[in-house]
Amino acid sequence: MTDQLQDAVLALVETHGDAGVTMGKIVDRLVGDGASEQAVELSIWRLIQARRLTPHGFVCRKVRKPSQSGQGGETRTYEFVLISWSPALDAQLDLNLDVAGGS
């Protein structure tokens, strides 16, 4: 099922073209078609790792949640927008998180 699921993810991403599609929309759509949430998420991460999908941006949503004081508060959530693999954007996946200096 993994190959079929990855094919379904890629087909869905391709229908959105250069505008991309959020990871959440992909998961929601394929879960609605009967796939398990975790299997879809793992397929997406494997496709990113295999350089078949490229993060092309993100969506920020502000979510309101109640607090103990009753005032409520907002928190931000972020979600990748994905496109088919792009050689031009591939370098962004090679994160160099080393800190120079080291004192």
Foldseek 3Di string as FASTA:
>chain_A
DLVVLLVLLQVVQVVVAPVFAWLVVSLVVVVVVPDDSVSNVVSVVVCVVVQQKDFDDKDKDWDWDADPVRPIDIDIDIITGIHTRDPVRNVVVPDDPDDPDDD
